[in-house]
């Protein structure tokens, strides 16, 4: 299939229509949450529903049938799905954001992925844990890459590694088809259990040079794909925006937990072993305060998230560089917004009482899932907070930004 044929496949739906489709997926995800958790993966059928709803096209290049709508729409689509089930939202988020990352690769790599299958998505493991050796025309790659969320439904893997260059190595990402790796089914966790974040194993696979992107280029918004994908979307610095793929599911989880708590409290009368029995939960001041705390925390987090996305996109669209101050501000938001969202879920979980402890209850699942999400190294408050503080005091920041 030619690029022209792909790009003419269908007209872009408007944002409201895409979010309506995401809401429909969210309802199904909520109904299947227990099943997803038990299976330790999002089903292929549910991923196909997302694909049929064109949700993986939000940040895919128009040349391959995508819509190039940007991170603001992406965040809301992810949060909408994650409000139904955290694991499903997480898997959608990682699959959709890496359409953007593939678009930053050389044109030939993009064609390798989408030329015959514009609906193909990738699973990713960023840590440079494997070994690459030079080979004619590219490299031979071997190793194990963990935490590859949604890998059961992916046709490609994006794997971190150290690229051998003259005089040393440089970090980057190797793009590998699923035929070149196996999946080690080792994902057994207390939170985000349905994400299928298993380990990918590669044994001497050949990766042509055009399927490599360096971390340095992506970090500054200068990926090779920007030469053909001219939308400023693809010139945004990677770490200023990509970690939103971790924050957006947390936003949805917090919204979903608050909604489930309000539904529970609205019609519940307490039994009260010693005191407070036969009173409506909604009448307790502590319950009222927890709803207020959760609502304010979610509101503050989403205001910060969308401010950063708007200002970053506007800066790049004006042809200006996203400076160090903005990049580190964004990284701070990624971590602090997640902290606020976790606080929101903690508030309603602690107020929900014993009835929320059952494995069927959505609040306890959101509580486990958001704590699992907040443990991600890219969102770790101590690491990101200290990195930002180093910058404030004129020291060299130690971390990823």
Protein backbone atom coordinates (compact mmCIF):
# COMPACT_ATOMS: atom_id res chain seq x y z
CA UNK A 1 0.00 0.00 0.00
CA UNK A 2 1.38 3.41 -0.95
CA UNK A 3 1.71 6.29 1.51
CA UNK A 4 -0.79 8.31 -0.55
CA UNK A 5 -3.35 5.51 -0.37
CA UNK A 6 -2.92 5.25 3.36
CA UNK A 7 -3.20 8.98 3.98
CA UNK A 8 -6.47 9.15 2.01
CA UNK A 9 -8.01 6.24 3.90
CA UNK A 10 -10.58 8.29 5.83
CA UNK A 11 -11.31 11.78 7.02
CA UNK A 12 -10.38 12.72 10.56
CA UNK A 13 -13.28 12.63 13.03
CA UNK A 14 -13.57 15.63 15.30
CA UNK A 15 -12.22 15.56 18.84
CA UNK A 16 -15.65 15.23 20.45
CA UNK A 17 -16.37 12.15 18.36
CA UNK A 18 -13.05 10.53 19.31
CA UNK A 19 -13.68 11.17 23.00
CA UNK A 20 -17.18 9.68 22.67
CA UNK A 21 -15.55 6.57 21.24
CA UNK A 22 -13.08 6.54 24.13
CA UNK A 23 -15.99 6.75 26.57
CA UNK A 24 -17.62 3.74 24.91
CA UNK A 25 -14.37 1.80 25.30
CA UNK A 26 -14.22 2.93 28.94
CA UNK A 27 -17.61 1.37 29.64
CA UNK A 28 -16.46 -1.96 28.21
CA UNK A 29 -13.15 -1.73 30.09
CA UNK A 30 -15.04 -1.16 33.36
CA UNK A 31 -17.22 -4.21 32.72
CA UNK A 32 -14.17 -6.36 31.95
CA UNK A 33 -11.83 -5.01 34.64
CA UNK A 34 -11.86 -8.15 36.79
CA UNK A 35 -11.39 -10.33 33.71
CA UNK A 36 -8.50 -8.16 32.51
CA UNK A 37 -6.78 -8.34 35.90
CA UNK A 38 -7.15 -12.13 36.10
CA UNK A 39 -5.81 -12.56 32.56
CA UNK A 40 -2.87 -10.21 33.40
CA UNK A 41 -3.32 -8.55 30.01
CA UNK A 42 -5.80 -6.50 28.01
CA UNK A 43 -7.53 -8.80 25.55
CA UNK A 44 -6.85 -8.63 21.86
CA UNK A 45 -10.56 -8.04 21.32
CA UNK A 46 -10.50 -4.90 23.48
CA UNK A 47 -7.39 -3.58 21.74
CA UNK A 48 -9.11 -4.23 18.41
CA UNK A 49 -12.05 -2.14 19.62
CA UNK A 50 -9.65 0.75 20.29
CA UNK A 51 -8.09 0.27 16.87
CA UNK A 52 -11.49 0.13 15.14
CA UNK A 53 -12.43 3.35 16.98
CA UNK A 54 -9.32 4.97 15.41
CA UNK A 55 -7.96 5.89 18.83
CA UNK A 56 -4.42 4.78 17.99
CA UNK A 57 -4.45 7.34 15.15
CA UNK A 58 -4.60 10.40 17.40
CA UNK A 59 -0.85 11.14 17.18
CA UNK A 60 0.01 9.02 14.16
CA UNK A 61 1.21 10.94 11.04
CA UNK A 62 -1.40 11.79 8.42
CA UNK A 63 0.83 10.14 5.83
CA UNK A 64 -0.16 6.80 7.39
CA UNK A 65 -3.81 7.55 8.12
CA UNK A 66 -3.29 9.34 11.43
CA UNK A 67 -4.84 12.54 12.71
CA UNK A 68 -1.87 14.44 14.25
CA UNK A 69 -4.15 15.87 16.94
CA UNK A 70 -1.55 16.34 19.64
CA UNK A 71 -0.91 15.51 23.27
CA UNK A 72 -3.87 17.44 24.68
CA UNK A 73 -6.38 15.21 22.88
CA UNK A 74 -4.26 12.15 23.61
CA UNK A 75 -4.28 12.83 27.38
CA UNK A 76 -8.06 13.18 27.47
CA UNK A 77 -8.60 10.00 25.43
CA UNK A 78 -6.28 8.06 27.75
CA UNK A 79 -7.87 9.46 30.91
CA UNK A 80 -11.34 8.65 29.61
CA UNK A 81 -10.45 4.99 29.05
CA UNK A 82 -8.45 4.70 32.30
CA UNK A 83 -11.47 6.00 34.25
CA UNK A 84 -13.07 2.68 33.33
CA UNK A 85 -10.05 0.51 34.10
CA UNK A 86 -6.50 1.56 34.91
CA UNK A 87 -4.77 -1.33 33.16
CA UNK A 88 -6.76 -0.84 29.97
CA UNK A 89 -6.03 2.89 29.99
CA UNK A 90 -2.33 2.22 30.57
CA UNK A 91 -2.08 -0.21 27.65
CA UNK A 92 -3.94 2.18 25.36
CA UNK A 93 -1.73 5.06 26.48
CA UNK A 94 1.53 3.26 25.74
CA UNK A 95 0.30 1.99 22.39
CA UNK A 96 -0.96 5.41 21.29
CA UNK A 97 1.98 7.52 22.47
CA UNK A 98 4.48 5.36 20.68
CA UNK A 99 2.81 6.14 17.38
CA UNK A 100 4.31 9.57 18.03
CA UNK A 101 7.71 8.05 18.79
CA UNK A 102 7.71 5.91 15.64
CA UNK A 103 6.92 9.09 13.69
CA UNK A 104 10.23 10.50 14.98
CA UNK A 105 12.21 7.68 13.33
CA UNK A 106 13.61 7.87 9.78
CA UNK A 107 11.00 7.67 7.01
CA UNK A 108 12.01 4.13 6.02
CA UNK A 109 11.45 2.88 9.58
CA UNK A 110 7.97 4.41 9.60
CA UNK A 111 7.20 2.64 6.34
CA UNK A 112 8.51 -0.64 7.75
CA UNK A 113 5.99 -0.38 10.60
CA UNK A 114 2.93 1.10 8.86
CA UNK A 115 3.46 0.53 5.15
CA UNK A 116 1.45 -2.71 5.05
CA UNK A 117 -0.37 -2.28 8.37
CA UNK A 118 -1.27 1.29 9.36
CA UNK A 119 -2.88 -0.07 12.53
CA UNK A 120 0.34 -1.61 13.88
CA UNK A 121 1.40 -0.53 17.39
CA UNK A 122 4.56 -1.01 19.43
CA UNK A 123 5.45 -2.10 22.96
CA UNK A 124 8.38 -0.28 24.52
CA UNK A 125 11.07 -0.85 27.12
CA UNK A 126 13.28 2.21 27.45
CA UNK A 127 16.05 1.04 29.77
CA UNK A 128 19.28 0.34 27.82
CA UNK A 129 19.65 -3.20 29.13
CA UNK A 130 20.58 -5.06 25.96
CA UNK A 131 23.78 -5.38 23.97
CA UNK A 132 24.25 -4.17 20.39
CA UNK A 133 27.17 -5.17 18.19
CA UNK A 134 28.01 -3.58 14.82
CA UNK A 135 27.02 -5.57 11.75
CA UNK A 136 27.03 -4.67 8.04
CA UNK A 137 24.20 -2.18 7.53
CA UNK A 138 23.17 -2.06 11.18
CA UNK A 139 23.57 -3.95 14.44
CA UNK A 140 23.01 -7.33 16.09
CA UNK A 141 20.89 -6.92 19.21
CA UNK A 142 20.57 -9.27 22.18
CA UNK A 143 19.19 -8.99 25.70
CA UNK A 144 16.13 -8.83 27.94
CA UNK A 145 13.82 -5.83 28.20
CA UNK A 146 11.29 -5.75 31.04
CA UNK A 147 8.06 -3.78 31.63
CA UNK A 148 6.95 -3.94 27.97
CA UNK A 149 3.31 -3.01 28.58
CA UNK A 150 0.81 -4.36 26.08
CA UNK A 151 3.40 -6.51 24.33
CA UNK A 152 0.89 -9.31 23.64
CA UNK A 153 -0.97 -6.99 21.28
CA UNK A 154 2.03 -5.28 19.64
CA UNK A 155 3.66 -6.03 16.30
CA UNK A 156 6.84 -4.10 17.12
CA UNK A 157 9.13 -3.44 20.06
CA UNK A 158 11.06 -0.25 20.77
CA UNK A 159 14.01 -1.29 22.92
CA UNK A 160 16.54 0.86 24.70
CA UNK A 161 20.22 0.21 24.19
CA UNK A 162 23.68 1.67 23.85
CA UNK A 163 24.51 2.22 20.19
CA UNK A 164 28.18 1.55 19.34
CA UNK A 165 29.72 4.58 17.64
CA UNK A 166 33.25 5.61 16.86
CA UNK A 167 34.97 6.25 20.16
CA UNK A 168 32.28 4.81 22.41
CA UNK A 169 28.52 4.35 22.68
CA UNK A 170 25.44 6.57 22.79
CA UNK A 171 21.98 5.74 24.15
CA UNK A 172 19.12 5.19 21.77
CA UNK A 173 16.22 2.98 20.78
CA UNK A 174 16.11 -0.02 18.45
CA UNK A 175 12.91 -0.74 16.50
CA UNK A 176 12.37 -4.50 16.29
CA UNK A 177 9.48 -6.53 14.75
CA UNK A 178 7.70 -9.00 17.02
CA UNK A 179 9.03 -11.90 14.96
CA UNK A 180 12.49 -11.05 16.29
CA UNK A 181 11.69 -11.37 19.99
CA UNK A 182 9.96 -13.74 22.38
CA UNK A 183 7.85 -12.83 25.40
CA UNK A 184 8.77 -14.07 28.85
CA UNK A 185 5.46 -14.22 30.74
CA UNK A 186 6.75 -12.87 34.06
CA UNK A 187 4.16 -10.18 34.92
CA UNK A 188 2.65 -10.99 38.36
CA UNK A 189 1.92 -7.81 40.30
CA UNK A 190 -0.40 -6.23 42.87
CA UNK A 191 -1.19 -3.21 40.69
CA UNK A 192 -1.61 -2.60 36.97
CA UNK A 193 -1.84 -6.38 36.84
CA UNK A 194 -3.78 -6.30 33.58
CA UNK A 195 -1.14 -4.43 31.59
CA UNK A 196 0.79 -7.52 30.52
CA UNK A 197 4.05 -5.65 31.08
CA UNK A 198 6.17 -8.70 30.39
CA UNK A 199 9.81 -9.11 29.35
CA UNK A 200 10.92 -9.15 25.72
CA UNK A 201 13.87 -11.40 24.86
CA UNK A 202 16.03 -10.82 21.77
CA UNK A 203 18.80 -13.16 20.66
CA UNK A 204 21.04 -11.73 17.98
CA UNK A 205 18.36 -10.03 15.88
CA UNK A 206 19.58 -7.81 13.05
CA UNK A 207 18.42 -4.18 13.29
CA UNK A 208 19.11 -2.07 10.19
CA UNK A 209 20.60 1.36 10.80
CA UNK A 210 17.41 3.14 9.71
CA UNK A 211 15.50 1.55 12.62
CA UNK A 212 17.54 3.37 15.24
CA UNK A 213 16.83 6.72 16.91
CA UNK A 214 19.28 8.33 19.31
CA UNK A 215 18.20 9.61 22.69
CA UNK A 216 20.08 12.88 22.08
CA UNK A 217 18.04 13.67 18.94
CA UNK A 218 14.72 12.81 20.59
CA UNK A 219 15.61 14.76 23.72
CA UNK A 220 15.89 17.99 21.75
CA UNK A 221 13.00 17.40 19.35
CA UNK A 222 15.29 16.68 16.42
CA UNK A 223 14.32 13.14 15.54
CA UNK A 224 14.89 12.17 11.88
CA UNK A 225 11.12 11.87 11.33
CA UNK A 226 10.71 15.63 11.64
CA UNK A 227 12.19 15.92 8.13
CA UNK A 228 9.11 14.26 6.62
CA UNK A 229 6.45 14.80 9.30
CA UNK A 230 6.37 18.58 9.29
CA UNK A 231 3.75 19.11 11.99
CA UNK A 232 5.46 20.83 14.98
CA UNK A 233 3.98 18.01 17.07
CA UNK A 234 6.95 15.87 16.05
CA UNK A 235 9.52 18.46 17.08
CA UNK A 236 8.54 18.50 20.74
CA UNK A 237 11.32 17.26 23.07
CA UNK A 238 10.66 13.68 24.08
CA UNK A 239 10.89 14.02 27.86
CA UNK A 240 8.91 17.25 27.91
CA UNK A 241 5.85 15.38 26.64
CA UNK A 242 6.14 11.57 26.47
CA UNK A 243 5.93 11.01 30.28
CA UNK A 244 2.35 12.27 29.98
CA UNK A 245 1.61 8.74 28.76
CA UNK A 246 2.16 7.68 32.39
CA UNK A 247 0.41 10.64 33.99
CA UNK A 248 -2.72 10.47 31.81
CA UNK A 249 -3.74 6.97 33.02
CA UNK A 250 -3.30 8.19 36.60
CA UNK A 251 -5.61 11.11 35.82
CA UNK A 252 -8.22 8.66 34.56
CA UNK A 253 -7.79 6.34 37.54
CA UNK A 254 -8.38 9.24 39.94
CA UNK A 255 -11.48 10.34 38.03
CA UNK A 256 -12.76 6.77 37.99
CA UNK A 257 -12.13 6.23 41.71
CA UNK A 258 -13.93 9.46 42.60
CA UNK A 259 -16.90 8.53 40.43
CA UNK A 260 -17.08 5.02 41.90
CA UNK A 261 -16.88 6.43 45.44
CA UNK A 262 -19.63 8.95 44.80
CA UNK A 263 -21.83 6.20 43.36
CA UNK A 264 -21.15 4.04 46.41
CA UNK A 265 -21.71 6.76 49.00
CA UNK A 266 -24.77 8.25 47.38
CA UNK A 267 -27.05 5.38 48.32
CA UNK A 268 -25.25 3.73 51.22
CA UNK A 269 -26.31 3.64 54.87
CA UNK A 270 -23.65 2.63 57.39
CA UNK A 271 -24.13 -0.31 59.72
CA UNK A 272 -21.76 1.00 62.38
CA UNK A 273 -20.44 -1.65 64.78
CA UNK A 274 -20.33 0.80 67.70
CA UNK A 275 -21.55 4.20 66.59
CA UNK A 276 -22.89 5.90 63.54
CA UNK A 277 -25.08 3.03 62.37
CA UNK A 278 -28.06 3.59 60.09
CA UNK A 279 -26.79 6.98 58.96
CA UNK A 280 -26.23 7.94 55.35
CA UNK A 281 -22.53 8.05 54.51
CA UNK A 282 -23.07 11.26 52.59
CA UNK A 283 -23.99 12.97 55.86
CA UNK A 284 -20.61 12.38 57.50
CA UNK A 285 -18.38 15.46 57.43
CA UNK A 286 -15.26 13.32 56.97
CA UNK A 287 -16.75 11.74 53.84
CA UNK A 288 -17.72 15.15 52.49
CA UNK A 289 -14.18 16.42 53.12
CA UNK A 290 -12.61 13.44 51.33
CA UNK A 291 -14.74 14.10 48.25
CA UNK A 292 -13.68 17.75 48.32
CA UNK A 293 -10.01 16.82 48.72
CA UNK A 294 -10.11 14.33 45.84
CA UNK A 295 -11.95 16.76 43.56
CA UNK A 296 -9.51 19.60 44.24
CA UNK A 297 -6.47 17.34 43.79
CA UNK A 298 -7.73 16.09 40.42
CA UNK A 299 -8.60 19.62 39.30
CA UNK A 300 -5.16 20.95 40.25
CA UNK A 301 -3.37 18.08 38.51
CA UNK A 302 -5.23 18.41 35.23
CA UNK A 303 -4.73 22.19 35.16
CA UNK A 304 -0.98 21.67 35.48
CA UNK A 305 -0.95 18.91 32.87
CA UNK A 306 -2.80 20.90 30.22
CA UNK A 307 -0.88 24.11 30.94
CA UNK A 308 2.39 22.33 30.23
CA UNK A 309 1.08 20.71 27.06
CA UNK A 310 -0.29 24.00 25.75
CA UNK A 311 2.84 26.02 26.49
CA UNK A 312 5.19 23.38 25.10
CA UNK A 313 3.21 23.00 21.87
CA UNK A 314 2.94 26.78 21.44
CA UNK A 315 6.68 27.24 21.95
CA UNK A 316 7.57 24.66 19.31
CA UNK A 317 4.93 26.00 16.89
CA UNK A 318 6.59 29.44 17.12
CA UNK A 319 9.87 27.87 16.05
CA UNK A 320 11.45 28.40 19.47
CA UNK A 321 13.42 25.91 21.51
CA UNK A 322 11.88 24.38 24.61
CA UNK A 323 14.47 25.59 27.08
CA UNK A 324 15.83 23.84 30.12
CA UNK A 325 13.51 25.73 32.47
CA UNK A 326 10.41 24.50 30.65
CA UNK A 327 11.67 20.95 30.25
CA UNK A 328 12.42 20.65 33.95
CA UNK A 329 9.14 22.38 34.85
CA UNK A 330 7.31 19.77 32.77
CA UNK A 331 9.18 16.93 34.45
CA UNK A 332 8.24 18.39 37.83
CA UNK A 333 4.61 18.48 36.79
CA UNK A 334 4.70 14.85 35.63
CA UNK A 335 5.75 13.77 39.11
CA UNK A 336 3.77 16.25 41.23
CA UNK A 337 0.54 15.82 39.26
CA UNK A 338 0.82 12.07 39.81
CA UNK A 339 1.37 12.73 43.51
CA UNK A 340 -1.82 14.81 43.61
CA UNK A 341 -3.78 12.15 41.75
CA UNK A 342 -2.55 9.43 44.09
CA UNK A 343 -3.57 11.63 47.01
CA UNK A 344 -7.06 11.88 45.49
CA UNK A 345 -7.44 8.10 45.26
CA UNK A 346 -6.02 7.65 48.77
CA UNK A 347 -8.64 10.04 50.10
CA UNK A 348 -11.63 8.16 48.71
CA UNK A 349 -10.17 4.71 49.38
CA UNK A 350 -9.63 5.46 53.05
CA UNK A 351 -13.16 6.85 53.34
CA UNK A 352 -14.84 4.00 51.45
CA UNK A 353 -14.77 1.56 54.36
CA UNK A 354 -14.66 -2.20 54.40
CA UNK A 355 -17.10 -2.61 51.53
CA UNK A 356 -14.46 -1.29 49.12
CA UNK A 357 -11.99 -4.06 49.97
CA UNK A 358 -13.65 -6.69 47.82
CA UNK A 359 -11.73 -7.55 44.66
CA UNK A 360 -14.82 -6.74 42.60
CA UNK A 361 -14.91 -3.16 43.91
CA UNK A 362 -13.41 -0.61 41.51
CA UNK A 363 -12.07 1.75 44.22
CA UNK A 364 -9.59 -0.78 45.61
CA UNK A 365 -8.43 -1.62 42.09
CA UNK A 366 -7.88 2.03 41.25
CA UNK A 367 -5.99 2.38 44.56
CA UNK A 368 -3.67 -0.51 43.73
CA UNK A 369 -3.24 0.59 40.12
CA UNK A 370 -2.41 4.23 40.83
CA UNK A 371 0.16 3.27 43.45
CA UNK A 372 1.74 0.95 40.89
CA UNK A 373 1.75 3.79 38.34
CA UNK A 374 3.29 6.25 40.78
CA UNK A 375 6.17 3.84 41.44
CA UNK A 376 7.39 4.27 37.86
CA UNK A 377 10.89 5.73 37.95
CA UNK A 378 9.90 8.57 35.59
CA UNK A 379 7.30 9.72 38.12
CA UNK A 380 9.28 9.13 41.31
CA UNK A 381 8.87 12.25 43.41
CA UNK A 382 12.20 12.03 45.22
CA UNK A 383 14.16 11.59 41.97
CA UNK A 384 12.31 14.24 39.97
CA UNK A 385 11.94 16.68 42.86
CA UNK A 386 15.64 16.60 43.71
CA UNK A 387 16.53 16.97 40.02
CA UNK A 388 14.40 20.10 39.81
CA UNK A 389 15.88 21.46 43.03
CA UNK A 390 19.38 20.97 41.66
CA UNK A 391 18.42 23.09 38.67
CA UNK A 392 16.96 25.83 40.87
CA UNK A 393 20.21 26.09 42.83
CA UNK A 394 22.42 26.21 39.74
CA UNK A 395 23.67 22.64 40.03
CA UNK A 396 23.78 20.12 37.22
CA UNK A 397 20.46 18.23 37.31
CA UNK A 398 20.95 14.50 37.83
CA UNK A 399 18.24 12.67 35.95
CA UNK A 400 16.26 12.57 32.74
CA UNK A 401 14.86 15.79 31.27
